[in-house]
């Protein structure tokens, strides 16, 4: 499903429609404006924590970056890092834990502010407190948007307005 939504693969049958428009006829540039994806294994680039978040919207103000970071739970660990948001994350973010990389990727997606947010396993690598903070922030940030969560977590499934079982025959 993830690959279909961002057109890395074409559907064999059926169609995916966003705001009444079949995505197969949509220019990729337009589709990429509408959808932001946080993959299960997010990537970060060499640079600072703030630069990695700002990648979602290079024109964002520092206040907007910090708001996205707060909603994604980044500030829960950023203050403990040397130089805070100016901390160099290393190649592919290797100086951060997996859960920290995930929260940075979620902050970047929130900062991008696309109408459709695709989150693949947003809780992976998070402890229960970080998980609760992330879910609270995501719910606040997703107000008025469509958020698709790919998860096996019953708590997240329980928060959904609609649930689709990918193992069911369509």
N, C-alpha and C. Protein backbone atom coordinates (compact mmCIF):
# COMPACT_ATOMS: atom_id res chain seq x y z
N UNK A 1 0.82 -1.19 0.00
CA UNK A 1 0.00 0.00 0.00
C UNK A 1 0.87 1.26 0.00
N UNK A 2 1.94 1.27 0.83
CA UNK A 2 2.79 2.47 0.89
C UNK A 2 3.36 2.80 -0.48
N UNK A 3 3.89 1.79 -1.14
CA UNK A 3 4.50 2.00 -2.45
C UNK A 3 3.47 2.48 -3.47
N UNK A 4 2.24 2.02 -3.34
CA UNK A 4 1.19 2.45 -4.25
C UNK A 4 0.83 3.92 -4.04
N UNK A 5 0.72 4.32 -2.78
CA UNK A 5 0.31 5.69 -2.49
C UNK A 5 1.31 6.72 -2.99
N UNK A 6 2.58 6.41 -2.94
CA UNK A 6 3.57 7.38 -3.41
C UNK A 6 4.08 7.04 -4.81
N UNK A 7 3.38 6.12 -5.46
CA UNK A 7 3.61 5.73 -6.85
C UNK A 7 5.01 5.17 -7.12
N UNK A 8 5.51 4.41 -6.16
CA UNK A 8 6.71 3.63 -6.43
C UNK A 8 6.31 2.35 -7.16
N UNK A 9 5.02 2.04 -7.09
CA UNK A 9 4.44 0.90 -7.80
C UNK A 9 3.07 1.33 -8.31
N UNK A 10 2.64 0.73 -9.40
CA UNK A 10 1.32 1.03 -9.96
C UNK A 10 0.35 -0.06 -9.54
N UNK A 11 -0.91 0.29 -9.26
CA UNK A 11 -1.88 -0.72 -8.86
C UNK A 11 -2.19 -1.69 -9.99
N UNK A 12 -2.37 -2.95 -9.64
CA UNK A 12 -2.76 -3.97 -10.61
C UNK A 12 -4.26 -3.91 -10.88
N UNK A 13 -4.99 -3.41 -9.90
CA UNK A 13 -6.44 -3.22 -10.07
C UNK A 13 -6.86 -2.13 -9.11
N UNK A 14 -8.02 -1.58 -9.34
CA UNK A 14 -8.52 -0.51 -8.49
C UNK A 14 -7.78 0.79 -8.74
N UNK A 15 -8.03 1.74 -7.88
CA UNK A 15 -7.36 3.02 -8.02
C UNK A 15 -7.27 3.72 -6.68
N UNK A 16 -6.36 4.67 -6.59
CA UNK A 16 -6.20 5.50 -5.39
C UNK A 16 -6.56 6.91 -5.80
N UNK A 17 -7.44 7.52 -5.01
CA UNK A 17 -7.96 8.84 -5.34
C UNK A 17 -7.69 9.79 -4.17
N UNK A 18 -7.17 10.96 -4.50
CA UNK A 18 -6.97 12.01 -3.51
C UNK A 18 -7.78 13.21 -3.97
N UNK A 19 -8.70 13.66 -3.12
CA UNK A 19 -9.58 14.79 -3.46
C UNK A 19 -10.24 14.62 -4.83
N UNK A 20 -10.68 13.39 -5.12
CA UNK A 20 -11.38 13.12 -6.36
C UNK A 20 -10.51 12.90 -7.58
N UNK A 21 -9.18 12.95 -7.42
CA UNK A 21 -8.26 12.79 -8.54
C UNK A 21 -7.49 11.48 -8.42
N UNK A 22 -7.57 10.66 -9.46
CA UNK A 22 -6.83 9.42 -9.51
C UNK A 22 -5.33 9.76 -9.56
N UNK A 23 -4.56 9.20 -8.65
CA UNK A 23 -3.14 9.58 -8.57
C UNK A 23 -2.33 9.09 -9.76
N UNK A 24 -2.82 8.06 -10.49
CA UNK A 24 -2.05 7.61 -11.65
C UNK A 24 -2.01 8.66 -12.75
N UNK A 25 -2.97 9.56 -12.79
CA UNK A 25 -2.97 10.63 -13.78
C UNK A 25 -2.39 11.93 -13.25
N UNK A 26 -1.93 11.91 -12.03
CA UNK A 26 -1.41 13.10 -11.38
C UNK A 26 0.09 13.22 -11.62
N UNK A 27 0.59 14.40 -11.99
CA UNK A 27 2.05 14.54 -12.10
C UNK A 27 2.73 14.21 -10.77
N UNK A 28 3.86 13.53 -10.82
CA UNK A 28 4.56 13.14 -9.59
C UNK A 28 4.88 14.34 -8.71
N UNK A 29 5.22 15.47 -9.32
CA UNK A 29 5.53 16.66 -8.53
C UNK A 29 4.32 17.07 -7.70
N UNK A 30 3.12 16.99 -8.27
CA UNK A 30 1.90 17.35 -7.53
C UNK A 30 1.64 16.35 -6.41
N UNK A 31 1.79 15.06 -6.72
CA UNK A 31 1.57 14.04 -5.70
C UNK A 31 2.53 14.25 -4.53
N UNK A 32 3.77 14.58 -4.83
CA UNK A 32 4.76 14.79 -3.77
C UNK A 32 4.47 16.02 -2.93
N UNK A 33 3.71 16.97 -3.48
CA UNK A 33 3.27 18.12 -2.68
C UNK A 33 2.18 17.72 -1.70
N UNK A 34 1.40 16.72 -2.06
CA UNK A 34 0.25 16.31 -1.26
C UNK A 34 0.57 15.30 -0.17
N UNK A 35 1.62 14.49 -0.39
CA UNK A 35 1.91 13.37 0.52
C UNK A 35 3.29 13.52 1.13
N UNK A 36 3.35 13.34 2.44
CA UNK A 36 4.63 13.25 3.14
C UNK A 36 4.68 11.89 3.81
N UNK A 37 5.78 11.20 3.64
CA UNK A 37 5.93 9.85 4.19
C UNK A 37 7.09 9.81 5.19
N UNK A 38 6.84 9.15 6.30
CA UNK A 38 7.90 8.84 7.25
C UNK A 38 8.05 7.32 7.20
N UNK A 39 9.14 6.84 6.57
CA UNK A 39 9.31 5.40 6.44
C UNK A 39 9.70 4.75 7.77
N UNK A 40 9.58 3.44 7.81
CA UNK A 40 9.92 2.71 9.02
C UNK A 40 11.38 2.89 9.40
N UNK A 41 12.23 2.99 8.42
CA UNK A 41 13.66 3.26 8.66
C UNK A 41 13.98 4.63 8.07
N UNK A 42 13.74 5.70 8.81
CA UNK A 42 13.96 7.04 8.24
C UNK A 42 15.44 7.33 8.02
N UNK A 43 15.70 8.18 7.06
CA UNK A 43 17.08 8.58 6.77
C UNK A 43 17.27 10.02 7.22
N UNK A 44 18.45 10.29 7.69
CA UNK A 44 18.85 11.65 8.01
C UNK A 44 20.12 11.92 7.22
N UNK A 45 20.40 13.19 7.00
CA UNK A 45 21.63 13.52 6.30
C UNK A 45 22.63 14.13 7.27
N UNK A 46 23.88 14.19 6.87
CA UNK A 46 24.90 14.81 7.69
C UNK A 46 24.53 16.27 7.89
N UNK A 47 24.58 16.72 9.10
CA UNK A 47 24.22 18.10 9.43
C UNK A 47 23.71 18.15 10.85
N UNK A 48 23.11 19.26 11.20
CA UNK A 48 22.62 19.43 12.56
C UNK A 48 21.21 18.87 12.70
N UNK A 49 20.81 18.75 13.93
CA UNK A 49 19.46 18.32 14.25
C UNK A 49 18.45 19.28 13.59
N UNK A 50 18.68 20.58 13.76
CA UNK A 50 17.76 21.56 13.17
C UNK A 50 17.75 21.46 11.64
N UNK A 51 18.89 21.31 11.02
CA UNK A 51 18.95 21.21 9.56
C UNK A 51 18.16 20.00 9.06
N UNK A 52 18.23 18.89 9.79
CA UNK A 52 17.50 17.70 9.39
C UNK A 52 16.00 17.88 9.51
N UNK A 53 15.55 18.63 10.48
CA UNK A 53 14.12 18.93 10.60
C UNK A 53 13.72 19.94 9.52
N UNK A 54 14.51 20.97 9.34
CA UNK A 54 14.22 22.04 8.38
C UNK A 54 14.15 21.53 6.95
N UNK A 55 14.74 20.38 6.69
CA UNK A 55 14.69 19.79 5.35
C UNK A 55 13.25 19.65 4.86
N UNK A 56 12.31 19.49 5.79
CA UNK A 56 10.90 19.40 5.43
C UNK A 56 10.34 20.68 4.85
N UNK A 57 10.91 21.81 5.24
CA UNK A 57 10.47 23.12 4.73
C UNK A 57 11.62 24.11 4.94
N UNK A 58 12.47 24.26 3.93
CA UNK A 58 13.65 25.12 4.09
C UNK A 58 13.32 26.58 4.43
N UNK A 59 12.11 27.03 4.12
CA UNK A 59 11.73 28.42 4.42
C UNK A 59 11.13 28.59 5.81
N UNK A 60 11.01 27.53 6.57
CA UNK A 60 10.38 27.60 7.89
C UNK A 60 11.18 28.49 8.84
N UNK A 61 10.46 29.16 9.72
CA UNK A 61 11.11 29.95 10.75
C UNK A 61 11.63 29.01 11.84
N UNK A 62 12.50 29.53 12.67
CA UNK A 62 13.00 28.71 13.78
C UNK A 62 11.85 28.31 14.70
N UNK A 63 10.90 29.22 14.91
CA UNK A 63 9.74 28.91 15.75
C UNK A 63 8.94 27.74 15.17
N UNK A 64 8.77 27.70 13.85
CA UNK A 64 8.05 26.60 13.20
C UNK A 64 8.82 25.29 13.34
N UNK A 65 10.13 25.35 13.20
CA UNK A 65 10.96 24.16 13.37
C UNK A 65 10.80 23.63 14.79
N UNK A 66 10.86 24.52 15.77
CA UNK A 66 10.76 24.09 17.17
C UNK A 66 9.37 23.57 17.51
N UNK A 67 8.33 24.12 16.89
CA UNK A 67 6.98 23.62 17.11
C UNK A 67 6.85 22.20 16.58
N UNK A 68 7.33 21.96 15.36
CA UNK A 68 7.31 20.61 14.79
C UNK A 68 8.14 19.66 15.66
N UNK A 69 9.28 20.12 16.13
CA UNK A 69 10.15 19.30 16.97
C UNK A 69 9.44 18.94 18.28
N UNK A 70 8.77 19.91 18.88
CA UNK A 70 8.05 19.66 20.13
C UNK A 70 6.95 18.63 19.91
N UNK A 71 6.18 18.78 18.83
CA UNK A 71 5.09 17.85 18.55
C UNK A 71 5.59 16.43 18.29
N UNK A 72 6.78 16.31 17.75
CA UNK A 72 7.36 14.99 17.47
C UNK A 72 8.18 14.45 18.64
N UNK A 73 8.30 15.22 19.71
CA UNK A 73 9.04 14.76 20.88
C UNK A 73 10.55 14.92 20.78
N UNK A 74 11.02 15.72 19.83
CA UNK A 74 12.46 15.91 19.67
C UNK A 74 13.04 16.68 20.85
N UNK A 75 12.30 17.67 21.35
CA UNK A 75 12.85 18.47 22.44
C UNK A 75 13.02 17.67 23.73
N UNK A 76 12.43 16.47 23.78
CA UNK A 76 12.62 15.62 24.95
C UNK A 76 14.07 15.15 25.06
N UNK A 77 14.80 15.11 23.94
CA UNK A 77 16.20 14.70 24.00
C UNK A 77 17.16 15.77 23.50
N UNK A 78 16.68 16.73 22.74
CA UNK A 78 17.57 17.74 22.14
C UNK A 78 18.32 18.54 23.19
N UNK A 79 17.67 18.86 24.29
CA UNK A 79 18.31 19.65 25.33
C UNK A 79 19.44 18.93 26.03
N UNK A 80 19.47 17.60 25.94
CA UNK A 80 20.53 16.81 26.56
C UNK A 80 21.72 16.59 25.62
N UNK A 81 21.57 16.98 24.36
CA UNK A 81 22.65 16.81 23.40
C UNK A 81 23.61 17.99 23.46
N UNK A 82 24.89 17.75 23.23
CA UNK A 82 25.82 18.89 23.16
C UNK A 82 25.36 19.83 22.04
N UNK A 83 25.19 21.08 22.35
CA UNK A 83 24.78 22.12 21.40
C UNK A 83 23.31 22.04 21.00
N UNK A 84 22.50 21.20 21.65
CA UNK A 84 21.06 21.14 21.39
C UNK A 84 20.72 20.93 19.93
N UNK A 85 19.96 21.85 19.36
CA UNK A 85 19.53 21.71 17.96
C UNK A 85 20.67 21.94 16.97
N UNK A 86 21.80 22.39 17.45
CA UNK A 86 22.99 22.54 16.59
C UNK A 86 23.89 21.30 16.67
N UNK A 87 23.42 20.25 17.31
CA UNK A 87 24.15 18.99 17.42
C UNK A 87 24.31 18.37 16.04
N UNK A 88 25.53 17.98 15.69
CA UNK A 88 25.81 17.29 14.42
C UNK A 88 25.39 15.83 14.56
N UNK A 89 24.43 15.40 13.75
CA UNK A 89 23.87 14.05 13.90
C UNK A 89 24.73 12.96 13.29
N UNK A 90 25.73 13.33 12.48
CA UNK A 90 26.59 12.34 11.84
C UNK A 90 25.98 11.82 10.55
N UNK A 91 26.78 11.08 9.84
CA UNK A 91 26.33 10.51 8.57
C UNK A 91 25.12 9.61 8.80
N UNK A 92 24.04 9.88 8.08
CA UNK A 92 22.78 9.14 8.19
C UNK A 92 22.18 9.21 9.60
N UNK A 93 22.60 10.19 10.40
CA UNK A 93 22.07 10.33 11.74
C UNK A 93 22.58 9.31 12.73
N UNK A 94 23.72 8.71 12.46
CA UNK A 94 24.22 7.61 13.29
C UNK A 94 24.58 8.00 14.72
N UNK A 95 24.68 9.30 15.00
CA UNK A 95 24.97 9.71 16.37
C UNK A 95 23.71 9.78 17.22
N UNK A 96 22.57 9.45 16.61
CA UNK A 96 21.29 9.41 17.32
C UNK A 96 20.82 7.97 17.41
N UNK A 97 19.99 7.69 18.39
CA UNK A 97 19.39 6.36 18.49
C UNK A 97 18.32 6.21 17.40
N UNK A 98 17.86 5.00 17.19
CA UNK A 98 16.80 4.76 16.20
C UNK A 98 15.53 5.53 16.52
N UNK A 99 15.15 5.55 17.79
CA UNK A 99 13.95 6.30 18.20
C UNK A 99 14.12 7.80 18.00
N UNK A 100 15.32 8.30 18.28
CA UNK A 100 15.58 9.73 18.06
C UNK A 100 15.53 10.07 16.57
N UNK A 101 16.09 9.21 15.73
CA UNK A 101 16.03 9.45 14.27
C UNK A 101 14.58 9.47 13.80
N UNK A 102 13.79 8.56 14.32
CA UNK A 102 12.37 8.50 13.95
C UNK A 102 11.67 9.80 14.33
N UNK A 103 11.92 10.32 15.52
CA UNK A 103 11.26 11.56 15.94
C UNK A 103 11.70 12.74 15.10
N UNK A 104 12.96 12.78 14.69
CA UNK A 104 13.44 13.85 13.80
C UNK A 104 12.72 13.75 12.46
N UNK A 105 12.57 12.54 11.94
CA UNK A 105 11.88 12.35 10.66
C UNK A 105 10.41 12.75 10.75
N UNK A 106 9.77 12.45 11.87
CA UNK A 106 8.37 12.86 12.07
C UNK A 106 8.29 14.39 12.15
N UNK A 107 9.21 15.01 12.87
CA UNK A 107 9.23 16.48 12.95
C UNK A 107 9.38 17.09 11.56
N UNK A 108 10.26 16.52 10.76
CA UNK A 108 10.48 17.01 9.39
C UNK A 108 9.18 16.90 8.58
N UNK A 109 8.48 15.78 8.72
CA UNK A 109 7.22 15.58 8.00
C UNK A 109 6.15 16.57 8.48
N UNK A 110 6.10 16.80 9.79
CA UNK A 110 5.13 17.77 10.32
C UNK A 110 5.44 19.17 9.82
N UNK A 111 6.69 19.52 9.74
CA UNK A 111 7.10 20.83 9.27
C UNK A 111 6.72 21.02 7.80
N UNK A 112 6.77 19.95 7.04
CA UNK A 112 6.42 20.01 5.62
C UNK A 112 4.96 20.39 5.43
N UNK A 113 4.10 19.96 6.35
CA UNK A 113 2.71 20.37 6.40
C UNK A 113 1.91 19.97 5.16
N UNK A 114 2.15 18.78 4.64
CA UNK A 114 1.36 18.27 3.51
C UNK A 114 -0.01 17.81 4.01
N UNK A 115 -1.01 17.82 3.15
CA UNK A 115 -2.36 17.43 3.59
C UNK A 115 -2.51 15.94 3.91
N UNK A 116 -1.60 15.09 3.40
CA UNK A 116 -1.68 13.66 3.65
C UNK A 116 -0.35 13.20 4.25
N UNK A 117 -0.42 12.62 5.43
CA UNK A 117 0.76 12.18 6.16
C UNK A 117 0.73 10.66 6.26
N UNK A 118 1.75 10.00 5.71
CA UNK A 118 1.85 8.55 5.75
C UNK A 118 2.96 8.17 6.73
N UNK A 119 2.57 7.49 7.80
CA UNK A 119 3.52 7.10 8.85
C UNK A 119 3.60 5.59 8.91
N UNK A 120 4.78 5.08 8.63
CA UNK A 120 5.00 3.64 8.64
C UNK A 120 5.64 3.26 9.97
N UNK A 121 4.84 2.70 10.86
CA UNK A 121 5.37 2.28 12.16
C UNK A 121 5.93 3.43 12.96
N UNK A 122 5.13 4.48 13.26
CA UNK A 122 5.68 5.68 13.91
C UNK A 122 6.24 5.45 15.30
N UNK A 123 5.88 4.35 15.97
CA UNK A 123 6.34 4.13 17.34
C UNK A 123 7.59 3.28 17.42
N UNK A 124 8.07 2.75 16.31
CA UNK A 124 9.21 1.85 16.32
C UNK A 124 10.40 2.49 17.03
N UNK A 125 10.97 1.78 17.99
CA UNK A 125 12.17 2.24 18.67
C UNK A 125 11.92 3.25 19.78
N UNK A 126 10.67 3.45 20.18
CA UNK A 126 10.38 4.44 21.21
C UNK A 126 9.99 3.78 22.52
N UNK A 127 10.42 4.37 23.63
CA UNK A 127 9.99 3.89 24.93
C UNK A 127 8.56 4.39 25.18
N UNK A 128 7.84 3.85 26.17
CA UNK A 128 6.44 4.22 26.38
C UNK A 128 6.20 5.72 26.57
N UNK A 129 7.08 6.42 27.28
CA UNK A 129 6.89 7.87 27.48
C UNK A 129 7.06 8.62 26.17
N UNK A 130 8.09 8.29 25.41
CA UNK A 130 8.31 8.94 24.11
C UNK A 130 7.17 8.62 23.16
N UNK A 131 6.67 7.40 23.23
CA UNK A 131 5.54 6.99 22.40
C UNK A 131 4.32 7.84 22.70
N UNK A 132 4.01 8.03 23.97
CA UNK A 132 2.84 8.83 24.35
C UNK A 132 3.00 10.27 23.89
N UNK A 133 4.20 10.84 24.05
CA UNK A 133 4.44 12.21 23.58
C UNK A 133 4.28 12.32 22.08
N UNK A 134 4.81 11.35 21.35
CA UNK A 134 4.73 11.38 19.90
C UNK A 134 3.28 11.28 19.43
N UNK A 135 2.52 10.39 19.99
CA UNK A 135 1.12 10.22 19.58
C UNK A 135 0.32 11.47 19.88
N UNK A 136 0.53 12.07 21.04
CA UNK A 136 -0.17 13.31 21.39
C UNK A 136 0.16 14.41 20.38
N UNK A 137 1.44 14.55 20.07
CA UNK A 137 1.86 15.56 19.10
C UNK A 137 1.33 15.30 17.71
N UNK A 138 1.33 14.04 17.30
CA UNK A 138 0.82 13.69 15.98
C UNK A 138 -0.66 13.98 15.85
N UNK A 139 -1.42 13.64 16.88
CA UNK A 139 -2.85 13.91 16.83
C UNK A 139 -3.13 15.40 16.72
N UNK A 140 -2.38 16.21 17.46
CA UNK A 140 -2.56 17.66 17.37
C UNK A 140 -2.17 18.17 15.98
N UNK A 141 -1.06 17.68 15.45
CA UNK A 141 -0.57 18.15 14.15
C UNK A 141 -1.42 17.66 12.99
N UNK A 142 -2.08 16.52 13.16
CA UNK A 142 -2.86 15.93 12.07
C UNK A 142 -4.28 16.47 11.98
N UNK A 143 -4.65 17.36 12.89
CA UNK A 143 -6.00 17.93 12.84
C UNK A 143 -6.22 18.60 11.48
N UNK A 144 -7.30 18.21 10.80
CA UNK A 144 -7.60 18.77 9.50
C UNK A 144 -6.86 18.12 8.35
N UNK A 145 -6.08 17.10 8.62
CA UNK A 145 -5.31 16.40 7.59
C UNK A 145 -5.73 14.93 7.57
N UNK A 146 -5.26 14.23 6.58
CA UNK A 146 -5.42 12.79 6.53
C UNK A 146 -4.11 12.17 6.96
N UNK A 147 -4.17 11.32 7.96
CA UNK A 147 -2.98 10.61 8.43
C UNK A 147 -3.23 9.12 8.24
N UNK A 148 -2.33 8.49 7.51
CA UNK A 148 -2.38 7.04 7.33
C UNK A 148 -1.27 6.44 8.17
N UNK A 149 -1.65 5.58 9.10
CA UNK A 149 -0.68 4.93 9.96
C UNK A 149 -0.61 3.46 9.62
N UNK A 150 0.58 2.99 9.34
CA UNK A 150 0.80 1.57 9.12
C UNK A 150 1.33 1.05 10.45
N UNK A 151 0.55 0.20 11.12
CA UNK A 151 0.93 -0.23 12.45
C UNK A 151 0.33 -1.58 12.79
N UNK A 152 0.95 -2.22 13.76
CA UNK A 152 0.43 -3.46 14.34
C UNK A 152 0.08 -3.21 15.80
N UNK A 153 0.16 -1.97 16.24
CA UNK A 153 -0.05 -1.62 17.63
C UNK A 153 -1.53 -1.39 17.92
N UNK A 154 -2.13 -2.19 18.81
CA UNK A 154 -3.56 -2.05 19.11
C UNK A 154 -3.94 -0.64 19.59
N UNK A 155 -3.06 0.01 20.35
CA UNK A 155 -3.39 1.36 20.86
C UNK A 155 -3.55 2.34 19.70
N UNK A 156 -2.68 2.27 18.71
CA UNK A 156 -2.80 3.16 17.56
C UNK A 156 -4.02 2.82 16.72
N UNK A 157 -4.28 1.53 16.55
CA UNK A 157 -5.45 1.11 15.79
C UNK A 157 -6.71 1.66 16.45
N UNK A 158 -6.73 1.66 17.79
CA UNK A 158 -7.88 2.16 18.53
C UNK A 158 -8.11 3.65 18.37
N UNK A 159 -7.08 4.41 17.99
CA UNK A 159 -7.22 5.85 17.79
C UNK A 159 -7.73 6.22 16.40
N UNK A 160 -7.76 5.26 15.50
CA UNK A 160 -8.09 5.52 14.10
C UNK A 160 -9.58 5.74 13.90
N UNK A 161 -9.91 6.61 12.94
CA UNK A 161 -11.29 6.80 12.52
C UNK A 161 -11.75 5.63 11.65
N UNK A 162 -10.82 5.13 10.83
CA UNK A 162 -11.09 3.99 9.96
C UNK A 162 -9.90 3.04 10.02
N UNK A 163 -10.17 1.76 9.93
CA UNK A 163 -9.11 0.76 9.97
C UNK A 163 -9.23 -0.13 8.75
N UNK A 164 -8.11 -0.35 8.10
CA UNK A 164 -8.06 -1.25 6.95
C UNK A 164 -7.09 -2.37 7.29
N UNK A 165 -7.52 -3.59 7.20
CA UNK A 165 -6.68 -4.73 7.47
C UNK A 165 -6.01 -5.17 6.17
N UNK A 166 -4.70 -5.00 6.08
CA UNK A 166 -4.00 -5.31 4.85
C UNK A 166 -3.93 -6.81 4.57
N UNK A 167 -4.27 -7.63 5.56
CA UNK A 167 -4.24 -9.07 5.34
C UNK A 167 -5.57 -9.58 4.80
N UNK A 168 -6.59 -8.72 4.88
CA UNK A 168 -7.92 -9.13 4.39
C UNK A 168 -7.95 -9.11 2.86
N UNK A 169 -8.73 -9.97 2.29
CA UNK A 169 -8.91 -9.98 0.83
C UNK A 169 -9.77 -8.77 0.48
N UNK A 170 -9.31 -8.00 -0.48
CA UNK A 170 -10.05 -6.80 -0.87
C UNK A 170 -10.95 -7.18 -1.98
